[in-house]
Amino acid sequence: MVFFLEQPITEQIVETYLNERNIQVERNCEAIDLTDIDNNQVQVTLGDSQIIRAKYICACDGARNIVRHKL
């Protein structure tokens, strides 16, 4: 059996799950660099020069994004 969901439905399921756990989803931002700080965090430089630290970062914008290349 094969089961497909449209991308907007998948995004809504994931975002609802994260919101219920008080995890903020950032949209319309571009990661331009990643630095591994330690085993628990990564430092992310965004396109507007903002720097954030995160336990997790998810690449959802195709195969050519910086997250996949830095892995």
PDB file of N, CA and C in Angstrom:
ATOM      1  N   MET A   1       0.835  -1.167   0.000  1.00  0.00           N
ATOM      2  CA  MET A   1       0.000   0.000   0.000  1.00  0.00           C
ATOM      3  C   MET A   1       0.890   1.244   0.000  1.00  0.00           C
ATOM      4  N   VAL A   2       0.531   2.229  -0.786  1.00  0.00           N
ATOM      5  CA  VAL A   2       1.244   3.499  -0.852  1.00  0.00           C
ATOM      6  C   VAL A   2       0.277   4.591  -0.429  1.00  0.00           C
ATOM      7  N   PHE A   3       0.764   5.496   0.413  1.00  0.00           N
ATOM      8  CA  PHE A   3      -0.070   6.572   0.914  1.00  0.00           C
ATOM      9  C   PHE A   3       0.646   7.893   0.679  1.00  0.00           C
ATOM     10  N   PHE A   4       0.026   8.805  -0.017  1.00  0.00           N
ATOM     11  CA  PHE A   4       0.610  10.113  -0.304  1.00  0.00           C
ATOM     12  C   PHE A   4      -0.206  11.214   0.355  1.00  0.00           C
ATOM     13  N   LEU A   5       0.493  12.213   0.862  1.00  0.00           N
ATOM     14  CA  LEU A   5      -0.144  13.426   1.358  1.00  0.00           C
ATOM     15  C   LEU A   5       0.423  14.606   0.585  1.00  0.00           C
ATOM     16  N   GLU A   6      -0.419  15.568   0.299  1.00  0.00           N
ATOM     17  CA  GLU A   6       0.073  16.781  -0.335  1.00  0.00           C
ATOM     18  C   GLU A   6       0.969  17.529   0.643  1.00  0.00           C
ATOM     19  N   GLN A   7       1.951  18.250   0.128  1.00  0.00           N
ATOM     20  CA  GLN A   7       2.914  18.940   0.978  1.00  0.00           C
ATOM     21  C   GLN A   7       2.254  19.878   1.992  1.00  0.00           C
ATOM     22  N   PRO A   8       1.263  20.696   1.607  1.00  0.00           N
ATOM     23  CA  PRO A   8       0.649  21.576   2.617  1.00  0.00           C
ATOM     24  C   PRO A   8       0.018  20.812   3.779  1.00  0.00           C
ATOM     25  N   ILE A   9      -0.524  19.643   3.517  1.00  0.00           N
ATOM     26  CA  ILE A   9      -1.113  18.836   4.586  1.00  0.00           C
ATOM     27  C   ILE A   9      -0.020  18.302   5.501  1.00  0.00           C
ATOM     28  N   THR A  10       1.068  17.824   4.912  1.00  0.00           N
ATOM     29  CA  THR A  10       2.201  17.330   5.697  1.00  0.00           C
ATOM     30  C   THR A  10       2.770  18.449   6.567  1.00  0.00           C
ATOM     31  N   GLU A  11       2.946  19.640   5.977  1.00  0.00           N
ATOM     32  CA  GLU A  11       3.466  20.780   6.738  1.00  0.00           C
ATOM     33  C   GLU A  11       2.552  21.124   7.908  1.00  0.00           C
ATOM     34  N   GLN A  12       1.258  21.095   7.689  1.00  0.00           N
ATOM     35  CA  GLN A  12       0.313  21.424   8.762  1.00  0.00           C
ATOM     36  C   GLN A  12       0.378  20.403   9.893  1.00  0.00           C
ATOM     37  N   ILE A  13       0.502  19.138   9.558  1.00  0.00           N
ATOM     38  CA  ILE A  13       0.613  18.092  10.585  1.00  0.00           C
ATOM     39  C   ILE A  13       1.869  18.302  11.429  1.00  0.00           C
ATOM     40  N   VAL A  14       2.990  18.538  10.757  1.00  0.00           N
ATOM     41  CA  VAL A  14       4.259  18.735  11.468  1.00  0.00           C
ATOM     42  C   VAL A  14       4.212  20.013  12.307  1.00  0.00           C
ATOM     43  N   GLU A  15       3.698  21.101  11.725  1.00  0.00           N
ATOM     44  CA  GLU A  15       3.660  22.362  12.466  1.00  0.00           C
ATOM     45  C   GLU A  15       2.720  22.271  13.670  1.00  0.00           C
ATOM     46  N   THR A  16       1.604  21.626  13.533  1.00  0.00           N
ATOM     47  CA  THR A  16       0.695  21.434  14.664  1.00  0.00           C
ATOM     48  C   THR A  16       1.379  20.648  15.772  1.00  0.00           C
ATOM     49  N   TYR A  17       2.069  19.576  15.413  1.00  0.00           N
ATOM     50  CA  TYR A  17       2.799  18.754  16.387  1.00  0.00           C
ATOM     51  C   TYR A  17       3.813  19.613  17.140  1.00  0.00           C
ATOM     52  N   LEU A  18       4.590  20.414  16.407  1.00  0.00           N
ATOM     53  CA  LEU A  18       5.613  21.244  17.039  1.00  0.00           C
ATOM     54  C   LEU A  18       4.995  22.341  17.903  1.00  0.00           C
ATOM     55  N   ASN A  19       3.945  22.988  17.400  1.00  0.00           N
ATOM     56  CA  ASN A  19       3.289  24.047  18.176  1.00  0.00           C
ATOM     57  C   ASN A  19       2.734  23.523  19.492  1.00  0.00           C
ATOM     58  N   GLU A  20       2.208  22.317  19.490  1.00  0.00           N
ATOM     59  CA  GLU A  20       1.693  21.725  20.726  1.00  0.00           C
ATOM     60  C   GLU A  20       2.795  21.504  21.754  1.00  0.00           C
ATOM     61  N   ARG A  21       4.031  21.508  21.308  1.00  0.00           N
ATOM     62  CA  ARG A  21       5.183  21.320  22.193  1.00  0.00           C
ATOM     63  C   ARG A  21       5.966  22.622  22.377  1.00  0.00           C
ATOM     64  N   ASN A  22       5.308  23.735  22.062  1.00  0.00           N
ATOM     65  CA  ASN A  22       5.901  25.073  22.196  1.00  0.00           C
ATOM     66  C   ASN A  22       7.199  25.233  21.420  1.00  0.00           C
ATOM     67  N   ILE A  23       7.257  24.629  20.244  1.00  0.00           N
ATOM     68  CA  ILE A  23       8.409  24.770  19.366  1.00  0.00           C
ATOM     69  C   ILE A  23       8.012  25.677  18.211  1.00  0.00           C
ATOM     70  N   GLN A  24       8.765  26.750  18.035  1.00  0.00           N
ATOM     71  CA  GLN A  24       8.453  27.752  17.028  1.00  0.00           C
ATOM     72  C   GLN A  24       8.972  27.318  15.659  1.00  0.00           C
ATOM     73  N   VAL A  25       8.152  27.482  14.651  1.00  0.00           N
ATOM     74  CA  VAL A  25       8.532  27.200  13.268  1.00  0.00           C
ATOM     75  C   VAL A  25       8.826  28.531  12.591  1.00  0.00           C
ATOM     76  N   GLU A  26      10.020  28.657  12.023  1.00  0.00           N
ATOM     77  CA  GLU A  26      10.407  29.872  11.304  1.00  0.00           C
ATOM     78  C   GLU A  26      10.170  29.643   9.812  1.00  0.00           C
ATOM     79  N   ARG A  27       9.551  30.596   9.162  1.00  0.00           N
ATOM     80  CA  ARG A  27       9.308  30.512   7.723  1.00  0.00           C
ATOM     81  C   ARG A  27       9.910  31.732   7.025  1.00  0.00           C
ATOM     82  N   ASN A  28      10.140  31.585   5.740  1.00  0.00           N
ATOM     83  CA  ASN A  28      10.662  32.675   4.907  1.00  0.00           C
ATOM     84  C   ASN A  28      11.977  33.232   5.440  1.00  0.00           C
ATOM     85  N   CYS A  29      12.847  32.347   5.872  1.00  0.00           N
ATOM     86  CA  CYS A  29      14.181  32.750   6.274  1.00  0.00           C
ATOM     87  C   CYS A  29      15.172  31.790   5.610  1.00  0.00           C
ATOM     88  N   GLU A  30      16.355  32.296   5.352  1.00  0.00           N
ATOM     89  CA  GLU A  30      17.351  31.494   4.653  1.00  0.00           C
ATOM     90  C   GLU A  30      18.580  31.293   5.530  1.00  0.00           C
ATOM     91  N   ALA A  31      18.955  30.046   5.729  1.00  0.00           N
ATOM     92  CA  ALA A  31      20.199  29.740   6.431  1.00  0.00           C
ATOM     93  C   ALA A  31      21.327  29.865   5.407  1.00  0.00           C
ATOM     94  N   ILE A  32      22.332  30.704   5.728  1.00  0.00           N
ATOM     95  CA  ILE A  32      23.448  30.858   4.795  1.00  0.00           C
ATOM     96  C   ILE A  32      24.726  30.216   5.311  1.00  0.00           C
ATOM     97  N   ASP A  33      24.742  29.866   6.616  1.00  0.00           N
ATOM     98  CA  ASP A  33      25.905  29.158   7.158  1.00  0.00           C
ATOM     99  C   ASP A  33      25.494  28.427   8.431  1.00  0.00           C
ATOM    100  N   LEU A  34      26.175  27.314   8.681  1.00  0.00           N
ATOM    101  CA  LEU A  34      25.959  26.509   9.884  1.00  0.00           C
ATOM    102  C   LEU A  34      27.306  26.205  10.511  1.00  0.00           C
ATOM    103  N   THR A  35      27.358  26.263  11.825  1.00  0.00           N
ATOM    104  CA  THR A  35      28.571  25.901  12.555  1.00  0.00           C
ATOM    105  C   THR A  35      28.170  24.986  13.698  1.00  0.00           C
ATOM    106  N   ASP A  36      28.816  23.836  13.793  1.00  0.00           N
ATOM    107  CA  ASP A  36      28.554  22.906  14.887  1.00  0.00           C
ATOM    108  C   ASP A  36      29.236  23.452  16.140  1.00  0.00           C
ATOM    109  N   ILE A  37      28.437  23.789  17.155  1.00  0.00           N
ATOM    110  CA  ILE A  37      28.984  24.342  18.395  1.00  0.00           C
ATOM    111  C   ILE A  37      29.480  23.224  19.294  1.00  0.00           C
ATOM    112  N   ASP A  38      28.636  22.248  19.511  1.00  0.00           N
ATOM    113  CA  ASP A  38      28.990  21.070  20.288  1.00  0.00           C
ATOM    114  C   ASP A  38      28.007  19.976  19.904  1.00  0.00           C
ATOM    115  N   ASN A  39      27.936  18.933  20.674  1.00  0.00           N
ATOM    116  CA  ASN A  39      27.036  17.832  20.346  1.00  0.00           C
ATOM    117  C   ASN A  39      25.561  18.177  20.505  1.00  0.00           C
ATOM    118  N   ASN A  40      25.266  19.316  21.121  1.00  0.00           N
ATOM    119  CA  ASN A  40      23.879  19.654  21.420  1.00  0.00           C
ATOM    120  C   ASN A  40      23.334  20.852  20.669  1.00  0.00           C
ATOM    121  N   GLN A  41      24.191  21.622  19.976  1.00  0.00           N
ATOM    122  CA  GLN A  41      23.713  22.826  19.316  1.00  0.00           C
ATOM    123  C   GLN A  41      24.462  23.115  18.032  1.00  0.00           C
ATOM    124  N   VAL A  42      23.751  23.833  17.164  1.00  0.00           N
ATOM    125  CA  VAL A  42      24.352  24.344  15.941  1.00  0.00           C
ATOM    126  C   VAL A  42      24.082  25.846  15.899  1.00  0.00           C
ATOM    127  N   GLN A  43      25.061  26.602  15.424  1.00  0.00           N
ATOM    128  CA  GLN A  43      24.872  28.039  15.243  1.00  0.00           C
ATOM    129  C   GLN A  43      24.499  28.264  13.787  1.00  0.00           C
ATOM    130  N   VAL A  44      23.411  28.992  13.565  1.00  0.00           N
ATOM    131  CA  VAL A  44      22.892  29.214  12.226  1.00  0.00           C
ATOM    132  C   VAL A  44      22.946  30.703  11.917  1.00  0.00           C
ATOM    133  N   THR A  45      23.585  31.051  10.808  1.00  0.00           N
ATOM    134  CA  THR A  45      23.578  32.427  10.331  1.00  0.00           C
ATOM    135  C   THR A  45      22.510  32.536   9.260  1.00  0.00           C
ATOM    136  N   LEU A  46      21.591  33.468   9.471  1.00  0.00           N
ATOM    137  CA  LEU A  46      20.493  33.665   8.527  1.00  0.00           C
ATOM    138  C   LEU A  46      20.843  34.762   7.524  1.00  0.00           C
ATOM    139  N   GLY A  47      20.085  34.816   6.444  1.00  0.00           N
ATOM    140  CA  GLY A  47      20.336  35.773   5.373  1.00  0.00           C
ATOM    141  C   GLY A  47      20.282  37.224   5.795  1.00  0.00           C
ATOM    142  N   ASP A  48      19.577  37.543   6.872  1.00  0.00           N
ATOM    143  CA  ASP A  48      19.512  38.922   7.376  1.00  0.00           C
ATOM    144  C   ASP A  48      20.589  39.183   8.427  1.00  0.00           C
ATOM    145  N   SER A  49      21.603  38.322   8.483  1.00  0.00           N
ATOM    146  CA  SER A  49      22.750  38.396   9.408  1.00  0.00           C
ATOM    147  C   SER A  49      22.396  38.047  10.847  1.00  0.00           C
ATOM    148  N   GLN A  50      21.172  37.641  11.097  1.00  0.00           N
ATOM    149  CA  GLN A  50      20.794  37.186  12.431  1.00  0.00           C
ATOM    150  C   GLN A  50      21.474  35.854  12.700  1.00  0.00           C
ATOM    151  N   ILE A  51      21.951  35.657  13.917  1.00  0.00           N
ATOM    152  CA  ILE A  51      22.582  34.404  14.315  1.00  0.00           C
ATOM    153  C   ILE A  51      21.743  33.777  15.413  1.00  0.00           C
ATOM    154  N   ILE A  52      21.391  32.523  15.223  1.00  0.00           N
ATOM    155  CA  ILE A  52      20.612  31.799  16.226  1.00  0.00           C
ATOM    156  C   ILE A  52      21.325  30.507  16.575  1.00  0.00           C
ATOM    157  N   ARG A  53      20.985  29.970  17.729  1.00  0.00           N
ATOM    158  CA  ARG A  53      21.476  28.653  18.133  1.00  0.00           C
ATOM    159  C   ARG A  53      20.287  27.728  18.242  1.00  0.00           C
ATOM    160  N   ALA A  54      20.463  26.510  17.777  1.00  0.00           N
ATOM    161  CA  ALA A  54      19.349  25.570  17.776  1.00  0.00           C
ATOM    162  C   ALA A  54      19.844  24.160  18.047  1.00  0.00           C
ATOM    163  N   LYS A  55      18.971  23.359  18.654  1.00  0.00           N
ATOM    164  CA  LYS A  55      19.266  21.936  18.817  1.00  0.00           C
ATOM    165  C   LYS A  55      19.034  21.203  17.515  1.00  0.00           C
ATOM    166  N   TYR A  56      18.024  21.650  16.779  1.00  0.00           N
ATOM    167  CA  TYR A  56      17.652  20.984  15.535  1.00  0.00           C
ATOM    168  C   TYR A  56      17.429  22.021  14.449  1.00  0.00           C
ATOM    169  N   ILE A  57      17.764  21.650  13.236  1.00  0.00           N
ATOM    170  CA  ILE A  57      17.430  22.461  12.074  1.00  0.00           C
ATOM    171  C   ILE A  57      16.975  21.498  10.987  1.00  0.00           C
ATOM    172  N   CYS A  58      15.923  21.848  10.322  1.00  0.00           N
ATOM    173  CA  CYS A  58      15.324  20.962   9.332  1.00  0.00           C
ATOM    174  C   CYS A  58      15.385  21.619   7.962  1.00  0.00           C
ATOM    175  N   ALA A  59      15.951  20.929   7.005  1.00  0.00           N
ATOM    176  CA  ALA A  59      16.030  21.428   5.635  1.00  0.00           C
ATOM    177  C   ALA A  59      14.832  20.909   4.853  1.00  0.00           C
ATOM    178  N   CYS A  60      13.967  21.810   4.453  1.00  0.00           N
ATOM    179  CA  CYS A  60      12.741  21.405   3.751  1.00  0.00           C
ATOM    180  C   CYS A  60      12.605  22.083   2.404  1.00  0.00           C
ATOM    181  N   ASP A  61      13.691  22.555   1.845  1.00  0.00           N
ATOM    182  CA  ASP A  61      13.575  23.338   0.626  1.00  0.00           C
ATOM    183  C   ASP A  61      14.398  22.775  -0.533  1.00  0.00           C
ATOM    184  N   GLY A  62      14.552  21.482  -0.567  1.00  0.00           N
ATOM    185  CA  GLY A  62      15.211  20.869  -1.711  1.00  0.00           C
ATOM    186  C   GLY A  62      16.637  20.444  -1.440  1.00  0.00           C
ATOM    187  N   ALA A  63      17.204  19.788  -2.418  1.00  0.00           N
ATOM    188  CA  ALA A  63      18.509  19.144  -2.265  1.00  0.00           C
ATOM    189  C   ALA A  63      19.687  20.112  -2.262  1.00  0.00           C
ATOM    190  N   ARG A  64      19.508  21.329  -2.703  1.00  0.00           N
ATOM    191  CA  ARG A  64      20.643  22.254  -2.838  1.00  0.00           C
ATOM    192  C   ARG A  64      20.775  23.248  -1.696  1.00  0.00           C
ATOM    193  N   ASN A  65      20.148  22.987  -0.574  1.00  0.00           N
ATOM    194  CA  ASN A  65      20.235  23.960   0.517  1.00  0.00           C
ATOM    195  C   ASN A  65      21.484  23.750   1.368  1.00  0.00           C
ATOM    196  N   ILE A  66      21.841  24.773   2.138  1.00  0.00           N
ATOM    197  CA  ILE A  66      23.074  24.779   2.924  1.00  0.00           C
ATOM    198  C   ILE A  66      23.072  23.711   4.016  1.00  0.00           C
ATOM    199  N   VAL A  67      21.918  23.404   4.573  1.00  0.00           N
ATOM    200  CA  VAL A  67      21.850  22.408   5.654  1.00  0.00           C
ATOM    201  C   VAL A  67      22.337  21.057   5.139  1.00  0.00           C
ATOM    202  N   ARG A  68      21.848  20.638   4.024  1.00  0.00           N
ATOM    203  CA  ARG A  68      22.260  19.346   3.463  1.00  0.00           C
ATOM    204  C   ARG A  68      23.729  19.348   3.062  1.00  0.00           C
ATOM    205  N   HIS A  69      24.214  20.469   2.540  1.00  0.00           N
ATOM    206  CA  HIS A  69      25.617  20.529   2.117  1.00  0.00           C
ATOM    207  C   HIS A  69      26.573  20.533   3.311  1.00  0.00           C
ATOM    208  N   LYS A  70      26.177  21.148   4.412  1.00  0.00           N
ATOM    209  CA  LYS A  70      27.041  21.199   5.588  1.00  0.00           C
ATOM    210  C   LYS A  70      27.061  19.899   6.376  1.00  0.00           C
ATOM    211  N   LEU A  71      26.081  19.023   6.136  1.00  0.00           N
ATOM    212  CA  LEU A  71      26.079  17.739   6.840  1.00  0.00           C
ATOM    213  C   LEU A  71      27.324  16.974   6.493  1.00  0.00           C
TER     214      LEU A  71
END
